[in-house]
Amino acid sequence: MQAKKLCRSAVISALYVAITLIFTPFAFGPLQVRPAEAFCLLPLFFPESIVGLTVGCALSNLASPFILYDLPFGSLATLLSAVCTYLVGKRIQNTALKIAVGGIFPVLFNTVIIPFVIVVLCGDAGGYATALTAYFAYALSLFITQTVWVYGLGTPLYLSVKKLQKNVSFLR
């Protein structure tokens, strides 16, 4: 039983890294093309995905131009959101509500933390007049992109896994 969870966590991590690295030129910074964020709903099913997502994010962030801060803080954002999403999955039974509430955490944690990393810690105001303006511009951008990946791709992923769980032993 534990081997299956370890393998599932490793597969989630590996897929997160592979998908993120495909989009390396666009996966870091204020506009993140990171379709692997769809996996952020998996803690609704699998507690072991918390580790898989966190490790996958950390390994992906090794390619970040903001590595010094993105590695610890980006990974922390993923860890916090995954734990919160998992806790929602344990408490809410309604599928639509579970997806809606569970997806809030990866969207919000990344919206708040990643612009802080880019603007405050790395000092990249991206040509904006002030750091505060840059922070809110990046936050808006990340809110939009995270929403697209988490809900736009994550919802079909969630529904597919839910449907497959009945017939695929690896997903139970």
Protein backbone atom coordinates (compact mmCIF):
# COMPACT_ATOMS: atom_id res chain seq x y z
CA MET A 1 0.00 0.00 0.00
CA GLN A 2 2.73 2.50 0.88
CA ALA A 3 4.68 1.67 -2.29
CA LYS A 4 1.66 2.67 -4.37
CA LYS A 5 1.46 6.05 -2.61
CA LEU A 6 5.20 6.62 -3.01
CA CYS A 7 4.97 5.81 -6.72
CA ARG A 8 1.95 8.05 -7.16
CA SER A 9 3.77 10.92 -5.44
CA ALA A 10 6.84 10.36 -7.63
CA VAL A 11 4.76 10.28 -10.81
CA ILE A 12 3.00 13.53 -9.86
CA SER A 13 6.37 15.14 -9.12
CA ALA A 14 7.94 13.92 -12.36
CA LEU A 15 4.99 15.03 -14.47
CA TYR A 16 4.95 18.43 -12.77
CA VAL A 17 8.65 18.91 -13.55
CA ALA A 18 8.42 17.63 -17.12
CA ILE A 19 5.41 19.77 -18.01
CA THR A 20 6.85 22.87 -16.35
CA LEU A 21 10.25 22.51 -18.00
CA ILE A 22 8.65 22.22 -21.44
CA PHE A 23 7.45 25.77 -20.89
CA THR A 24 10.68 27.03 -19.22
CA PRO A 25 10.91 30.32 -21.15
CA PHE A 26 7.38 31.18 -20.01
CA ALA A 27 7.03 29.23 -16.73
CA PHE A 28 8.70 31.80 -14.46
CA GLY A 29 8.02 35.44 -13.77
CA PRO A 30 4.89 37.55 -13.67
CA LEU A 31 3.08 35.76 -16.51
CA GLN A 32 3.40 32.06 -15.82
CA VAL A 33 2.57 29.49 -18.47
CA ARG A 34 2.59 26.55 -16.09
CA PRO A 35 -0.07 23.99 -17.07
CA ALA A 36 1.30 21.62 -14.42
CA GLU A 37 -0.58 23.76 -11.90
CA ALA A 38 -3.62 21.71 -12.91
CA PHE A 39 -2.20 19.04 -10.61
CA CYS A 40 -2.86 21.34 -7.65
CA LEU A 41 -6.34 19.82 -7.30
CA LEU A 42 -4.92 16.31 -6.78
CA PRO A 43 -4.66 16.73 -2.98
CA LEU A 44 -8.46 16.55 -3.03
CA PHE A 45 -7.90 12.83 -3.75
CA PHE A 46 -4.43 11.89 -2.64
CA PRO A 47 -2.61 13.15 0.47
CA GLU A 48 0.66 11.93 -1.03
CA SER A 49 0.27 14.45 -3.84
CA ILE A 50 1.23 17.14 -1.30
CA VAL A 51 4.79 15.82 -1.35
CA GLY A 52 4.70 15.17 -5.11
CA LEU A 53 3.59 18.72 -5.88
CA THR A 54 6.05 20.31 -3.46
CA VAL A 55 9.02 18.31 -4.73
CA GLY A 56 7.93 18.84 -8.35
CA CYS A 57 7.68 22.58 -7.80
CA ALA A 58 11.06 22.70 -6.03
CA LEU A 59 12.78 20.77 -8.81
CA SER A 60 11.11 22.94 -11.46
CA ASN A 61 12.21 26.08 -9.66
CA LEU A 62 15.83 25.05 -10.11
CA ALA A 63 15.37 26.44 -13.64
CA SER A 64 13.95 29.75 -12.37
CA PRO A 65 15.83 32.99 -13.00
CA PHE A 66 14.74 33.85 -9.45
CA ILE A 67 16.10 30.54 -8.05
CA LEU A 68 17.55 31.97 -4.84
CA TYR A 69 14.10 32.98 -3.61
CA ASP A 70 11.79 31.05 -5.92
CA LEU A 71 13.12 27.72 -4.72
CA PRO A 72 12.16 28.16 -1.05
CA PHE A 73 9.21 30.56 -1.36
CA GLY A 74 7.64 29.13 -4.53
CA SER A 75 7.87 25.65 -3.04
CA LEU A 76 6.40 26.95 0.21
CA ALA A 77 3.44 28.43 -1.70
CA THR A 78 2.85 25.03 -3.28
CA LEU A 79 3.17 23.19 0.03
CA LEU A 80 0.75 25.52 1.82
CA SER A 81 -1.79 25.40 -0.99
CA ALA A 82 -1.57 21.61 -1.27
CA VAL A 83 -2.13 21.11 2.48
CA CYS A 84 -5.11 23.49 2.47
CA THR A 85 -6.56 21.84 -0.64
CA TYR A 86 -6.19 18.41 0.98
CA LEU A 87 -8.00 19.61 4.13
CA VAL A 88 -10.87 20.93 2.00
CA GLY A 89 -11.07 17.57 0.24
CA LYS A 90 -11.56 15.83 3.56
CA ARG A 91 -14.37 18.14 4.66
CA ILE A 92 -16.44 18.98 1.57
CA GLN A 93 -18.38 16.24 -0.20
CA ASN A 94 -20.09 18.16 -3.01
CA THR A 95 -17.90 17.86 -6.13
CA ALA A 96 -18.46 21.35 -7.53
CA LEU A 97 -17.94 23.00 -4.15
CA LYS A 98 -14.88 20.84 -3.46
CA ILE A 99 -13.28 21.95 -6.75
CA ALA A 100 -14.26 25.60 -6.26
CA VAL A 101 -12.95 25.85 -2.71
CA GLY A 102 -9.96 23.51 -3.17
CA GLY A 103 -8.72 25.52 -6.14
CA ILE A 104 -8.77 28.79 -4.24
CA PHE A 105 -5.61 27.96 -2.29
CA PRO A 106 -3.14 27.45 -5.16
CA VAL A 107 -4.54 30.54 -6.85
CA LEU A 108 -4.33 32.77 -3.78
CA PHE A 109 -1.02 31.55 -2.33
CA ASN A 110 0.72 31.98 -5.68
CA THR A 111 -1.01 35.33 -6.31
CA VAL A 112 0.34 36.70 -3.03
CA ILE A 113 3.73 34.98 -2.65
CA ILE A 114 5.21 34.91 -6.17
CA PRO A 115 4.93 38.67 -6.85
CA PHE A 116 6.57 39.21 -3.45
CA VAL A 117 9.46 37.00 -4.59
CA ILE A 118 9.83 38.75 -7.93
CA VAL A 119 9.33 42.37 -6.87
CA VAL A 120 10.42 42.62 -3.24
CA LEU A 121 13.07 39.94 -2.85
CA CYS A 122 14.53 40.01 -6.37
CA GLY A 123 13.93 43.71 -7.00
CA ASP A 124 12.42 43.18 -10.46
CA ALA A 125 9.82 45.95 -10.88
CA GLY A 126 9.62 45.20 -14.59
CA GLY A 127 9.66 48.84 -15.67
CA TYR A 128 6.73 49.85 -13.46
CA ALA A 129 7.02 53.22 -11.72
CA THR A 130 6.94 51.74 -8.22
CA ALA A 131 7.46 48.37 -6.60
CA LEU A 132 3.89 48.53 -5.30
CA THR A 133 2.51 49.02 -8.81
CA ALA A 134 4.67 46.14 -10.07
CA TYR A 135 3.52 43.91 -7.19
CA PHE A 136 -0.17 44.45 -7.95
CA ALA A 137 0.32 44.13 -11.72
CA TYR A 138 2.17 40.83 -11.23
CA ALA A 139 -0.41 39.67 -8.69
CA LEU A 140 -3.21 40.29 -11.17
CA SER A 141 -1.31 38.46 -13.89
CA LEU A 142 -0.63 35.50 -11.63
CA PHE A 143 -4.21 35.43 -10.41
CA ILE A 144 -5.41 35.13 -14.00
CA THR A 145 -2.87 32.52 -15.09
CA GLN A 146 -3.26 30.43 -11.92
CA THR A 147 -7.04 30.50 -12.32
CA VAL A 148 -6.72 29.27 -15.90
CA TRP A 149 -4.39 26.40 -14.99
CA VAL A 150 -5.99 25.33 -11.72
CA TYR A 151 -9.62 25.58 -12.78
CA GLY A 152 -9.41 25.43 -16.58
CA LEU A 153 -7.16 22.35 -16.71
CA GLY A 154 -7.50 21.12 -13.13
CA THR A 155 -11.28 20.67 -13.23
CA PRO A 156 -11.27 18.26 -16.20
CA LEU A 157 -8.32 16.45 -14.58
CA TYR A 158 -10.23 16.16 -11.29
CA LEU A 159 -13.37 14.86 -13.03
CA SER A 160 -11.34 12.36 -15.07
CA VAL A 161 -9.52 10.99 -12.02
CA LYS A 162 -12.82 10.75 -10.13
CA LYS A 163 -14.37 8.77 -12.98
CA LEU A 164 -11.32 6.53 -13.44
CA GLN A 165 -10.97 5.75 -9.73
CA LYS A 166 -13.79 3.22 -9.99
CA ASN A 167 -11.94 1.09 -12.56
CA VAL A 168 -8.20 1.80 -12.16
CA SER A 169 -6.60 0.31 -9.06
CA PHE A 170 -3.62 2.72 -9.15
CA LEU A 171 -6.05 5.59 -8.58
CA ARG A 172 -7.75 4.09 -5.51
